[in-house]
Amino acid sequence: MRYAIIPLIISAVLHLLGFALADFASDSLFLLFPAGLYCVLSLLLLRGVIAAGWLTLVCMIGGVAGTLIEFTGPLIAPAPILIAIILADASTAALLIRGLWLARKSRSAV
């Protein structure tokens, strides 16, 4: 699960970058919450907390869905940043699925 930390931090940085590129607009304030949450989750993943892995996976699925929904209305950040967020969140989710699967597999072997 530690490999998932890298795209998770990239996603947090992209959220902050999107906020900055939107000229710190009040409509883009929403981008700060996921950035902070992802930083906290990355610290928990670094410590190996399995429950944090499941919570992060749910957040990544919601993050991809929420960012895709952003394309139906006025954008809160530049489109390339939103696309990069989708890619980072999807990468994190894929690595988390792999990590959680291997963790469950190794626990059942014991």
PDB file of N, CA and C in Angstrom:
ATOM      1  N   MET A   1       0.810  -1.199   0.000  1.00  0.00           N
ATOM      2  CA  MET A   1       0.000   0.000   0.000  1.00  0.00           C
ATOM      3  C   MET A   1       0.852   1.261   0.000  1.00  0.00           C
ATOM      4  N   ARG A   2       2.111   1.103   0.311  1.00  0.00           N
ATOM      5  CA  ARG A   2       2.964   2.293   0.370  1.00  0.00           C
ATOM      6  C   ARG A   2       3.168   2.937  -0.991  1.00  0.00           C
ATOM      7  N   TYR A   3       3.072   2.139  -2.057  1.00  0.00           N
ATOM      8  CA  TYR A   3       3.214   2.722  -3.394  1.00  0.00           C
ATOM      9  C   TYR A   3       2.073   3.673  -3.716  1.00  0.00           C
ATOM     10  N   ALA A   4       0.940   3.482  -3.091  1.00  0.00           N
ATOM     11  CA  ALA A   4      -0.224   4.339  -3.344  1.00  0.00           C
ATOM     12  C   ALA A   4      -0.036   5.739  -2.768  1.00  0.00           C
ATOM     13  N   ILE A   5       0.929   5.902  -1.891  1.00  0.00           N
ATOM     14  CA  ILE A   5       1.154   7.205  -1.269  1.00  0.00           C
ATOM     15  C   ILE A   5       1.646   8.226  -2.299  1.00  0.00           C
ATOM     16  N   ILE A   6       2.439   7.775  -3.254  1.00  0.00           N
ATOM     17  CA  ILE A   6       3.015   8.700  -4.235  1.00  0.00           C
ATOM     18  C   ILE A   6       1.929   9.383  -5.073  1.00  0.00           C
ATOM     19  N   PRO A   7       1.030   8.640  -5.746  1.00  0.00           N
ATOM     20  CA  PRO A   7      -0.006   9.356  -6.496  1.00  0.00           C
ATOM     21  C   PRO A   7      -1.002  10.080  -5.595  1.00  0.00           C
ATOM     22  N   LEU A   8      -1.147   9.633  -4.348  1.00  0.00           N
ATOM     23  CA  LEU A   8      -2.033  10.328  -3.412  1.00  0.00           C
ATOM     24  C   LEU A   8      -1.480  11.725  -3.093  1.00  0.00           C
ATOM     25  N   ILE A   9      -0.193  11.814  -2.858  1.00  0.00           N
ATOM     26  CA  ILE A   9       0.435  13.116  -2.601  1.00  0.00           C
ATOM     27  C   ILE A   9       0.400  13.975  -3.869  1.00  0.00           C
ATOM     28  N   ILE A  10       0.591  13.347  -5.026  1.00  0.00           N
ATOM     29  CA  ILE A  10       0.502  14.091  -6.288  1.00  0.00           C
ATOM     30  C   ILE A  10      -0.893  14.685  -6.445  1.00  0.00           C
ATOM     31  N   SER A  11      -1.918  13.905  -6.098  1.00  0.00           N
ATOM     32  CA  SER A  11      -3.288  14.408  -6.170  1.00  0.00           C
ATOM     33  C   SER A  11      -3.497  15.585  -5.221  1.00  0.00           C
ATOM     34  N   ALA A  12      -2.943  15.489  -4.012  1.00  0.00           N
ATOM     35  CA  ALA A  12      -3.067  16.600  -3.056  1.00  0.00           C
ATOM     36  C   ALA A  12      -2.405  17.858  -3.602  1.00  0.00           C
ATOM     37  N   VAL A  13      -1.230  17.706  -4.190  1.00  0.00           N
ATOM     38  CA  VAL A  13      -0.529  18.856  -4.776  1.00  0.00           C
ATOM     39  C   VAL A  13      -1.317  19.429  -5.957  1.00  0.00           C
ATOM     40  N   LEU A  14      -1.917  18.553  -6.762  1.00  0.00           N
ATOM     41  CA  LEU A  14      -2.725  19.025  -7.886  1.00  0.00           C
ATOM     42  C   LEU A  14      -3.952  19.796  -7.412  1.00  0.00           C
ATOM     43  N   HIS A  15      -4.545  19.370  -6.311  1.00  0.00           N
ATOM     44  CA  HIS A  15      -5.677  20.116  -5.756  1.00  0.00           C
ATOM     45  C   HIS A  15      -5.238  21.528  -5.343  1.00  0.00           C
ATOM     46  N   LEU A  16      -4.083  21.621  -4.696  1.00  0.00           N
ATOM     47  CA  LEU A  16      -3.571  22.935  -4.298  1.00  0.00           C
ATOM     48  C   LEU A  16      -3.212  23.776  -5.522  1.00  0.00           C
ATOM     49  N   LEU A  17      -2.638  23.132  -6.521  1.00  0.00           N
ATOM     50  CA  LEU A  17      -2.271  23.839  -7.746  1.00  0.00           C
ATOM     51  C   LEU A  17      -3.518  24.336  -8.470  1.00  0.00           C
ATOM     52  N   GLY A  18      -4.560  23.524  -8.493  1.00  0.00           N
ATOM     53  CA  GLY A  18      -5.818  23.948  -9.109  1.00  0.00           C
ATOM     54  C   GLY A  18      -6.412  25.146  -8.405  1.00  0.00           C
ATOM     55  N   PHE A  19      -6.317  25.160  -7.082  1.00  0.00           N
ATOM     56  CA  PHE A  19      -6.805  26.303  -6.311  1.00  0.00           C
ATOM     57  C   PHE A  19      -6.005  27.558  -6.650  1.00  0.00           C
ATOM     58  N   ALA A  20      -4.689  27.399  -6.754  1.00  0.00           N
ATOM     59  CA  ALA A  20      -3.834  28.548  -7.059  1.00  0.00           C
ATOM     60  C   ALA A  20      -4.067  29.036  -8.493  1.00  0.00           C
ATOM     61  N   LEU A  21      -4.220  28.119  -9.441  1.00  0.00           N
ATOM     62  CA  LEU A  21      -4.423  28.515 -10.835  1.00  0.00           C
ATOM     63  C   LEU A  21      -5.800  29.111 -11.086  1.00  0.00           C
ATOM     64  N   ALA A  22      -6.725  28.867 -10.178  1.00  0.00           N
ATOM     65  CA  ALA A  22      -8.049  29.490 -10.277  1.00  0.00           C
ATOM     66  C   ALA A  22      -8.039  30.847  -9.586  1.00  0.00           C
ATOM     67  N   ASP A  23      -6.848  31.367  -9.333  1.00  0.00           N
ATOM     68  CA  ASP A  23      -6.658  32.674  -8.691  1.00  0.00           C
ATOM     69  C   ASP A  23      -7.297  32.735  -7.306  1.00  0.00           C
ATOM     70  N   PHE A  24      -7.216  31.620  -6.599  1.00  0.00           N
ATOM     71  CA  PHE A  24      -7.711  31.538  -5.220  1.00  0.00           C
ATOM     72  C   PHE A  24      -9.169  31.967  -5.120  1.00  0.00           C
ATOM     73  N   ALA A  25      -9.951  31.615  -6.136  1.00  0.00           N
ATOM     74  CA  ALA A  25     -11.364  31.993  -6.179  1.00  0.00           C
ATOM     75  C   ALA A  25     -12.145  31.269  -5.086  1.00  0.00           C
ATOM     76  N   SER A  26     -13.185  31.911  -4.620  1.00  0.00           N
ATOM     77  CA  SER A  26     -13.988  31.299  -3.549  1.00  0.00           C
ATOM     78  C   SER A  26     -14.688  30.036  -4.044  1.00  0.00           C
ATOM     79  N   ASP A  27     -14.966  29.950  -5.343  1.00  0.00           N
ATOM     80  CA  ASP A  27     -15.564  28.727  -5.887  1.00  0.00           C
ATOM     81  C   ASP A  27     -14.608  27.547  -5.807  1.00  0.00           C
ATOM     82  N   SER A  28     -13.325  27.819  -5.772  1.00  0.00           N
ATOM     83  CA  SER A  28     -12.321  26.769  -5.749  1.00  0.00           C
ATOM     84  C   SER A  28     -11.861  26.409  -4.338  1.00  0.00           C
ATOM     85  N   LEU A  29     -12.442  27.016  -3.332  1.00  0.00           N
ATOM     86  CA  LEU A  29     -12.066  26.686  -1.958  1.00  0.00           C
ATOM     87  C   LEU A  29     -12.287  25.211  -1.638  1.00  0.00           C
ATOM     88  N   PHE A  30     -13.229  24.587  -2.344  1.00  0.00           N
ATOM     89  CA  PHE A  30     -13.520  23.182  -2.120  1.00  0.00           C
ATOM     90  C   PHE A  30     -12.299  22.305  -2.370  1.00  0.00           C
ATOM     91  N   LEU A  31     -11.379  22.752  -3.192  1.00  0.00           N
ATOM     92  CA  LEU A  31     -10.190  21.959  -3.503  1.00  0.00           C
ATOM     93  C   LEU A  31      -9.250  21.804  -2.309  1.00  0.00           C
ATOM     94  N   LEU A  32      -9.359  22.676  -1.321  1.00  0.00           N
ATOM     95  CA  LEU A  32      -8.469  22.607  -0.167  1.00  0.00           C
ATOM     96  C   LEU A  32      -8.799  21.431   0.755  1.00  0.00           C
ATOM     97  N   PHE A  33     -10.079  21.079   0.867  1.00  0.00           N
ATOM     98  CA  PHE A  33     -10.463  19.978   1.754  1.00  0.00           C
ATOM     99  C   PHE A  33      -9.848  18.650   1.314  1.00  0.00           C
ATOM    100  N   PRO A  34     -10.001  18.241   0.032  1.00  0.00           N
ATOM    101  CA  PRO A  34      -9.373  16.973  -0.357  1.00  0.00           C
ATOM    102  C   PRO A  34      -7.850  17.001  -0.212  1.00  0.00           C
ATOM    103  N   ALA A  35      -7.235  18.143  -0.477  1.00  0.00           N
ATOM    104  CA  ALA A  35      -5.777  18.231  -0.351  1.00  0.00           C
ATOM    105  C   ALA A  35      -5.344  17.919   1.079  1.00  0.00           C
ATOM    106  N   GLY A  36      -6.018  18.520   2.059  1.00  0.00           N
ATOM    107  CA  GLY A  36      -5.687  18.244   3.460  1.00  0.00           C
ATOM    108  C   GLY A  36      -6.005  16.818   3.863  1.00  0.00           C
ATOM    109  N   LEU A  37      -7.155  16.326   3.421  1.00  0.00           N
ATOM    110  CA  LEU A  37      -7.550  14.957   3.739  1.00  0.00           C
ATOM    111  C   LEU A  37      -6.569  13.956   3.164  1.00  0.00           C
ATOM    112  N   TYR A  38      -6.137  14.168   1.939  1.00  0.00           N
ATOM    113  CA  TYR A  38      -5.203  13.245   1.306  1.00  0.00           C
ATOM    114  C   TYR A  38      -3.845  13.252   2.009  1.00  0.00           C
ATOM    115  N   CYS A  39      -3.436  14.384   2.535  1.00  0.00           N
ATOM    116  CA  CYS A  39      -2.176  14.435   3.294  1.00  0.00           C
ATOM    117  C   CYS A  39      -2.282  13.616   4.581  1.00  0.00           C
ATOM    118  N   VAL A  40      -3.404  13.742   5.271  1.00  0.00           N
ATOM    119  CA  VAL A  40      -3.613  12.964   6.502  1.00  0.00           C
ATOM    120  C   VAL A  40      -3.679  11.477   6.170  1.00  0.00           C
ATOM    121  N   LEU A  41      -4.408  11.134   5.115  1.00  0.00           N
ATOM    122  CA  LEU A  41      -4.517   9.728   4.730  1.00  0.00           C
ATOM    123  C   LEU A  41      -3.168   9.150   4.318  1.00  0.00           C
ATOM    124  N   SER A  42      -2.338   9.953   3.666  1.00  0.00           N
ATOM    125  CA  SER A  42      -1.020   9.454   3.271  1.00  0.00           C
ATOM    126  C   SER A  42      -0.154   9.154   4.489  1.00  0.00           C
ATOM    127  N   LEU A  43      -0.284   9.961   5.531  1.00  0.00           N
ATOM    128  CA  LEU A  43       0.462   9.677   6.764  1.00  0.00           C
ATOM    129  C   LEU A  43      -0.015   8.377   7.411  1.00  0.00           C
ATOM    130  N   LEU A  44      -1.313   8.153   7.394  1.00  0.00           N
ATOM    131  CA  LEU A  44      -1.848   6.914   7.960  1.00  0.00           C
ATOM    132  C   LEU A  44      -1.440   5.704   7.123  1.00  0.00           C
ATOM    133  N   LEU A  45      -1.423   5.864   5.806  1.00  0.00           N
ATOM    134  CA  LEU A  45      -0.971   4.773   4.943  1.00  0.00           C
ATOM    135  C   LEU A  45       0.506   4.478   5.157  1.00  0.00           C
ATOM    136  N   LEU A  46       1.281   5.513   5.395  1.00  0.00           N
ATOM    137  CA  LEU A  46       2.705   5.336   5.653  1.00  0.00           C
ATOM    138  C   LEU A  46       2.940   4.511   6.911  1.00  0.00           C
ATOM    139  N   ARG A  47       2.047   4.664   7.881  1.00  0.00           N
ATOM    140  CA  ARG A  47       2.143   3.881   9.117  1.00  0.00           C
ATOM    141  C   ARG A  47       1.571   2.478   8.968  1.00  0.00           C
ATOM    142  N   GLY A  48       0.943   2.188   7.820  1.00  0.00           N
ATOM    143  CA  GLY A  48       0.435   0.854   7.556  1.00  0.00           C
ATOM    144  C   GLY A  48      -0.939   0.563   8.126  1.00  0.00           C
ATOM    145  N   VAL A  49      -1.747   1.582   8.331  1.00  0.00           N
ATOM    146  CA  VAL A  49      -3.086   1.396   8.873  1.00  0.00           C
ATOM    147  C   VAL A  49      -4.000   0.870   7.752  1.00  0.00           C
ATOM    148  N   ILE A  50      -4.470  -0.364   7.906  1.00  0.00           N
ATOM    149  CA  ILE A  50      -5.295  -0.995   6.873  1.00  0.00           C
ATOM    150  C   ILE A  50      -6.616  -0.255   6.693  1.00  0.00           C
ATOM    151  N   ALA A  51      -7.240   0.182   7.775  1.00  0.00           N
ATOM    152  CA  ALA A  51      -8.513   0.902   7.680  1.00  0.00           C
ATOM    153  C   ALA A  51      -8.353   2.184   6.866  1.00  0.00           C
ATOM    154  N   ALA A  52      -7.199   2.819   6.963  1.00  0.00           N
ATOM    155  CA  ALA A  52      -6.936   4.024   6.168  1.00  0.00           C
ATOM    156  C   ALA A  52      -6.876   3.685   4.686  1.00  0.00           C
ATOM    157  N   GLY A  53      -6.412   2.486   4.372  1.00  0.00           N
ATOM    158  CA  GLY A  53      -6.390   2.051   2.979  1.00  0.00           C
ATOM    159  C   GLY A  53      -7.787   1.946   2.404  1.00  0.00           C
ATOM    160  N   TRP A  54      -8.705   1.369   3.174  1.00  0.00           N
ATOM    161  CA  TRP A  54     -10.088   1.251   2.718  1.00  0.00           C
ATOM    162  C   TRP A  54     -10.744   2.626   2.606  1.00  0.00           C
ATOM    163  N   LEU A  55     -10.514   3.483   3.583  1.00  0.00           N
ATOM    164  CA  LEU A  55     -11.078   4.835   3.543  1.00  0.00           C
ATOM    165  C   LEU A  55     -10.524   5.616   2.355  1.00  0.00           C
ATOM    166  N   THR A  56      -9.250   5.476   2.098  1.00  0.00           N
ATOM    167  CA  THR A  56      -8.629   6.164   0.970  1.00  0.00           C
ATOM    168  C   THR A  56      -9.198   5.658  -0.344  1.00  0.00           C
ATOM    169  N   LEU A  57      -9.433   4.349  -0.431  1.00  0.00           N
ATOM    170  CA  LEU A  57     -10.012   3.785  -1.644  1.00  0.00           C
ATOM    171  C   LEU A  57     -11.393   4.377  -1.913  1.00  0.00           C
ATOM    172  N   VAL A  58     -12.208   4.484  -0.882  1.00  0.00           N
ATOM    173  CA  VAL A  58     -13.533   5.094  -1.035  1.00  0.00           C
ATOM    174  C   VAL A  58     -13.393   6.562  -1.463  1.00  0.00           C
ATOM    175  N   CYS A  59     -12.446   7.274  -0.871  1.00  0.00           N
ATOM    176  CA  CYS A  59     -12.217   8.683  -1.237  1.00  0.00           C
ATOM    177  C   CYS A  59     -11.761   8.814  -2.688  1.00  0.00           C
ATOM    178  N   MET A  60     -10.937   7.893  -3.153  1.00  0.00           N
ATOM    179  CA  MET A  60     -10.447   7.968  -4.527  1.00  0.00           C
ATOM    180  C   MET A  60     -11.566   7.693  -5.526  1.00  0.00           C
ATOM    181  N   ILE A  61     -12.417   6.719  -5.223  1.00  0.00           N
ATOM    182  CA  ILE A  61     -13.549   6.441  -6.110  1.00  0.00           C
ATOM    183  C   ILE A  61     -14.475   7.657  -6.149  1.00  0.00           C
ATOM    184  N   GLY A  62     -14.747   8.232  -4.989  1.00  0.00           N
ATOM    185  CA  GLY A  62     -15.571   9.445  -4.935  1.00  0.00           C
ATOM    186  C   GLY A  62     -14.897  10.624  -5.604  1.00  0.00           C
ATOM    187  N   GLY A  63     -13.579  10.710  -5.474  1.00  0.00           N
ATOM    188  CA  GLY A  63     -12.832  11.804  -6.093  1.00  0.00           C
ATOM    189  C   GLY A  63     -12.880  11.745  -7.610  1.00  0.00           C
ATOM    190  N   VAL A  64     -12.730  10.548  -8.161  1.00  0.00           N
ATOM    191  CA  VAL A  64     -12.815  10.392  -9.618  1.00  0.00           C
ATOM    192  C   VAL A  64     -14.221  10.747 -10.090  1.00  0.00           C
ATOM    193  N   ALA A  65     -15.229  10.232  -9.400  1.00  0.00           N
ATOM    194  CA  ALA A  65     -16.615  10.508  -9.788  1.00  0.00           C
ATOM    195  C   ALA A  65     -16.930  12.003  -9.663  1.00  0.00           C
ATOM    196  N   GLY A  66     -16.521  12.606  -8.564  1.00  0.00           N
ATOM    197  CA  GLY A  66     -16.790  14.028  -8.352  1.00  0.00           C
ATOM    198  C   GLY A  66     -16.087  14.913  -9.366  1.00  0.00           C
ATOM    199  N   THR A  67     -14.868  14.553  -9.718  1.00  0.00           N
ATOM    200  CA  THR A  67     -14.128  15.356 -10.693  1.00  0.00           C
ATOM    201  C   THR A  67     -14.740  15.201 -12.082  1.00  0.00           C
ATOM    202  N   LEU A  68     -15.200  13.998 -12.403  1.00  0.00           N
ATOM    203  CA  LEU A  68     -15.878  13.817 -13.688  1.00  0.00           C
ATOM    204  C   LEU A  68     -17.162  14.635 -13.755  1.00  0.00           C
ATOM    205  N   ILE A  69     -17.876  14.727 -12.651  1.00  0.00           N
ATOM    206  CA  ILE A  69     -19.101  15.518 -12.607  1.00  0.00           C
ATOM    207  C   ILE A  69     -18.789  17.003 -12.816  1.00  0.00           C
ATOM    208  N   GLU A  70     -17.598  17.436 -12.396  1.00  0.00           N
ATOM    209  CA  GLU A  70     -17.209  18.846 -12.577  1.00  0.00           C
ATOM    210  C   GLU A  70     -17.234  19.263 -14.044  1.00  0.00           C
ATOM    211  N   PHE A  71     -17.019  18.308 -14.947  1.00  0.00           N
ATOM    212  CA  PHE A  71     -16.982  18.643 -16.370  1.00  0.00           C
ATOM    213  C   PHE A  71     -18.368  18.932 -16.941  1.00  0.00           C
ATOM    214  N   THR A  72     -19.433  18.689 -16.179  1.00  0.00           N
ATOM    215  CA  THR A  72     -20.783  18.967 -16.665  1.00  0.00           C
ATOM    216  C   THR A  72     -21.204  20.412 -16.444  1.00  0.00           C
ATOM    217  N   GLY A  73     -20.467  21.137 -15.633  1.00  0.00           N
ATOM    218  CA  GLY A  73     -20.821  22.524 -15.334  1.00  0.00           C
ATOM    219  C   GLY A  73     -19.609  23.419 -15.439  1.00  0.00           C
ATOM    220  N   PRO A  74     -19.690  24.577 -14.814  1.00  0.00           N
ATOM    221  CA  PRO A  74     -18.520  25.467 -14.826  1.00  0.00           C
ATOM    222  C   PRO A  74     -17.383  24.853 -14.008  1.00  0.00           C
ATOM    223  N   LEU A  75     -16.191  24.910 -14.561  1.00  0.00           N
ATOM    224  CA  LEU A  75     -15.032  24.276 -13.931  1.00  0.00           C
ATOM    225  C   LEU A  75     -14.519  25.116 -12.770  1.00  0.00           C
ATOM    226  N   ILE A  76     -14.123  24.436 -11.679  1.00  0.00           N
ATOM    227  CA  ILE A  76     -13.564  25.145 -10.531  1.00  0.00           C
ATOM    228  C   ILE A  76     -12.047  25.242 -10.625  1.00  0.00           C
ATOM    229  N   ALA A  77     -11.470  24.577 -11.617  1.00  0.00           N
ATOM    230  CA  ALA A  77     -10.023  24.609 -11.846  1.00  0.00           C
ATOM    231  C   ALA A  77      -9.806  24.379 -13.343  1.00  0.00           C
ATOM    232  N   PRO A  78      -8.617  24.653 -13.848  1.00  0.00           N
ATOM    233  CA  PRO A  78      -8.346  24.401 -15.266  1.00  0.00           C
ATOM    234  C   PRO A  78      -8.534  22.914 -15.619  1.00  0.00           C
ATOM    235  N   ALA A  79      -9.029  22.664 -16.812  1.00  0.00           N
ATOM    236  CA  ALA A  79      -9.331  21.297 -17.251  1.00  0.00           C
ATOM    237  C   ALA A  79      -8.118  20.358 -17.186  1.00  0.00           C
ATOM    238  N   PRO A  80      -6.912  20.781 -17.595  1.00  0.00           N
ATOM    239  CA  PRO A  80      -5.774  19.858 -17.497  1.00  0.00           C
ATOM    240  C   PRO A  80      -5.479  19.433 -16.042  1.00  0.00           C
ATOM    241  N   ILE A  81      -5.696  20.331 -15.104  1.00  0.00           N
ATOM    242  CA  ILE A  81      -5.491  19.981 -13.691  1.00  0.00           C
ATOM    243  C   ILE A  81      -6.528  18.953 -13.259  1.00  0.00           C
ATOM    244  N   LEU A  82      -7.772  19.149 -13.677  1.00  0.00           N
ATOM    245  CA  LEU A  82      -8.822  18.199 -13.316  1.00  0.00           C
ATOM    246  C   LEU A  82      -8.569  16.823 -13.924  1.00  0.00           C
ATOM    247  N   ILE A  83      -8.083  16.793 -15.153  1.00  0.00           N
ATOM    248  CA  ILE A  83      -7.748  15.515 -15.789  1.00  0.00           C
ATOM    249  C   ILE A  83      -6.598  14.848 -15.053  1.00  0.00           C
ATOM    250  N   ALA A  84      -5.598  15.620 -14.650  1.00  0.00           N
ATOM    251  CA  ALA A  84      -4.478  15.061 -13.888  1.00  0.00           C
ATOM    252  C   ALA A  84      -4.946  14.537 -12.531  1.00  0.00           C
ATOM    253  N   ILE A  85      -5.902  15.211 -11.906  1.00  0.00           N
ATOM    254  CA  ILE A  85      -6.453  14.736 -10.632  1.00  0.00           C
ATOM    255  C   ILE A  85      -7.150  13.400 -10.835  1.00  0.00           C
ATOM    256  N   ILE A  86      -7.912  13.279 -11.916  1.00  0.00           N
ATOM    257  CA  ILE A  86      -8.581  12.005 -12.203  1.00  0.00           C
ATOM    258  C   ILE A  86      -7.557  10.892 -12.374  1.00  0.00           C
ATOM    259  N   LEU A  87      -6.504  11.157 -13.113  1.00  0.00           N
ATOM    260  CA  LEU A  87      -5.468  10.142 -13.337  1.00  0.00           C
ATOM    261  C   LEU A  87      -4.751   9.775 -12.041  1.00  0.00           C
ATOM    262  N   ALA A  88      -4.444  10.759 -11.219  1.00  0.00           N
ATOM    263  CA  ALA A  88      -3.766  10.481  -9.947  1.00  0.00           C
ATOM    264  C   ALA A  88      -4.672   9.693  -9.003  1.00  0.00           C
ATOM    265  N   ASP A  89      -5.943  10.066  -8.937  1.00  0.00           N
ATOM    266  CA  ASP A  89      -6.875   9.353  -8.069  1.00  0.00           C
ATOM    267  C   ASP A  89      -7.100   7.919  -8.551  1.00  0.00           C
ATOM    268  N   ALA A  90      -7.213   7.734  -9.861  1.00  0.00           N
ATOM    269  CA  ALA A  90      -7.399   6.385 -10.407  1.00  0.00           C
ATOM    270  C   ALA A  90      -6.162   5.526 -10.164  1.00  0.00           C
ATOM    271  N   SER A  91      -4.981   6.115 -10.284  1.00  0.00           N
ATOM    272  CA  SER A  91      -3.743   5.378 -10.008  1.00  0.00           C
ATOM    273  C   SER A  91      -3.665   4.981  -8.536  1.00  0.00           C
ATOM    274  N   THR A  92      -4.034   5.904  -7.676  1.00  0.00           N
ATOM    275  CA  THR A  92      -4.040   5.611  -6.247  1.00  0.00           C
ATOM    276  C   THR A  92      -5.002   4.471  -5.946  1.00  0.00           C
ATOM    277  N   ALA A  93      -6.198   4.532  -6.531  1.00  0.00           N
ATOM    278  CA  ALA A  93      -7.194   3.486  -6.294  1.00  0.00           C
ATOM    279  C   ALA A  93      -6.684   2.133  -6.774  1.00  0.00           C
ATOM    280  N   ALA A  94      -6.069   2.091  -7.946  1.00  0.00           N
ATOM    281  CA  ALA A  94      -5.544   0.826  -8.466  1.00  0.00           C
ATOM    282  C   ALA A  94      -4.450   0.263  -7.562  1.00  0.00           C
ATOM    283  N   LEU A  95      -3.552   1.110  -7.107  1.00  0.00           N
ATOM    284  CA  LEU A  95      -2.481   0.644  -6.223  1.00  0.00           C
ATOM    285  C   LEU A  95      -3.022   0.217  -4.857  1.00  0.00           C
ATOM    286  N   LEU A  96      -4.061   0.883  -4.395  1.00  0.00           N
ATOM    287  CA  LEU A  96      -4.673   0.492  -3.126  1.00  0.00           C
ATOM    288  C   LEU A  96      -5.377  -0.859  -3.239  1.00  0.00           C
ATOM    289  N   ILE A  97      -6.067  -1.074  -4.352  1.00  0.00           N
ATOM    290  CA  ILE A  97      -6.722  -2.369  -4.557  1.00  0.00           C
ATOM    291  C   ILE A  97      -5.684  -3.476  -4.538  1.00  0.00           C
ATOM    292  N   ARG A  98      -4.583  -3.260  -5.223  1.00  0.00           N
ATOM    293  CA  ARG A  98      -3.509  -4.249  -5.230  1.00  0.00           C
ATOM    294  C   ARG A  98      -2.946  -4.455  -3.826  1.00  0.00           C
ATOM    295  N   GLY A  99      -2.677  -3.368  -3.120  1.00  0.00           N
ATOM    296  CA  GLY A  99      -2.100  -3.467  -1.786  1.00  0.00           C
ATOM    297  C   GLY A  99      -3.044  -4.128  -0.792  1.00  0.00           C
ATOM    298  N   LEU A 100      -4.312  -3.777  -0.856  1.00  0.00           N
ATOM    299  CA  LEU A 100      -5.283  -4.383   0.057  1.00  0.00           C
ATOM    300  C   LEU A 100      -5.493  -5.854  -0.264  1.00  0.00           C
ATOM    301  N   TRP A 101      -5.451  -6.203  -1.553  1.00  0.00           N
ATOM    302  CA  TRP A 101      -5.587  -7.601  -1.944  1.00  0.00           C
ATOM    303  C   TRP A 101      -4.407  -8.416  -1.431  1.00  0.00           C
ATOM    304  N   LEU A 102      -3.200  -7.896  -1.607  1.00  0.00           N
ATOM    305  CA  LEU A 102      -2.011  -8.619  -1.143  1.00  0.00           C
ATOM    306  C   LEU A 102      -1.988  -8.713   0.390  1.00  0.00           C
ATOM    307  N   ALA A 103      -2.443  -7.692   1.079  1.00  0.00           N
ATOM    308  CA  ALA A 103      -2.484  -7.722   2.545  1.00  0.00           C
ATOM    309  C   ALA A 103      -3.472  -8.775   3.012  1.00  0.00           C
ATOM    310  N   ARG A 104      -4.612  -8.860   2.361  1.00  0.00           N
ATOM    311  CA  ARG A 104      -5.616  -9.875   2.742  1.00  0.00           C
ATOM    312  C   ARG A 104      -5.101 -11.260   2.420  1.00  0.00           C
ATOM    313  N   LYS A 105      -4.434 -11.405   1.293  1.00  0.00           N
ATOM    314  CA  LYS A 105      -3.909 -12.710   0.867  1.00  0.00           C
ATOM    315  C   LYS A 105      -2.828 -13.192   1.849  1.00  0.00           C
ATOM    316  N   SER A 106      -1.972 -12.273   2.296  1.00  0.00           N
ATOM    317  CA  SER A 106      -0.899 -12.664   3.210  1.00  0.00           C
ATOM    318  C   SER A 106      -1.447 -12.990   4.613  1.00  0.00           C
ATOM    319  N   ARG A 107      -2.519 -12.318   5.016  1.00  0.00           N
ATOM    320  CA  ARG A 107      -3.137 -12.634   6.316  1.00  0.00           C
ATOM    321  C   ARG A 107      -3.811 -13.998   6.294  1.00  0.00           C
ATOM    322  N   SER A 108      -4.408 -14.365   5.148  1.00  0.00           N
ATOM    323  CA  SER A 108      -5.086 -15.660   5.074  1.00  0.00           C
ATOM    324  C   SER A 108      -4.093 -16.805   4.972  1.00  0.00           C
ATOM    325  N   ALA A 109      -2.850 -16.522   4.542  1.00  0.00           N
ATOM    326  CA  ALA A 109      -1.832 -17.560   4.444  1.00  0.00           C
ATOM    327  C   ALA A 109      -1.243 -17.893   5.818  1.00  0.00           C
ATOM    328  N   VAL A 110      -1.411 -17.013   6.780  1.00  0.00           N
ATOM    329  CA  VAL A 110      -0.830 -17.237   8.114  1.00  0.00           C
ATOM    330  C   VAL A 110      -1.670 -18.124   8.923  1.00  0.00           C
TER     331      VAL A 110
END
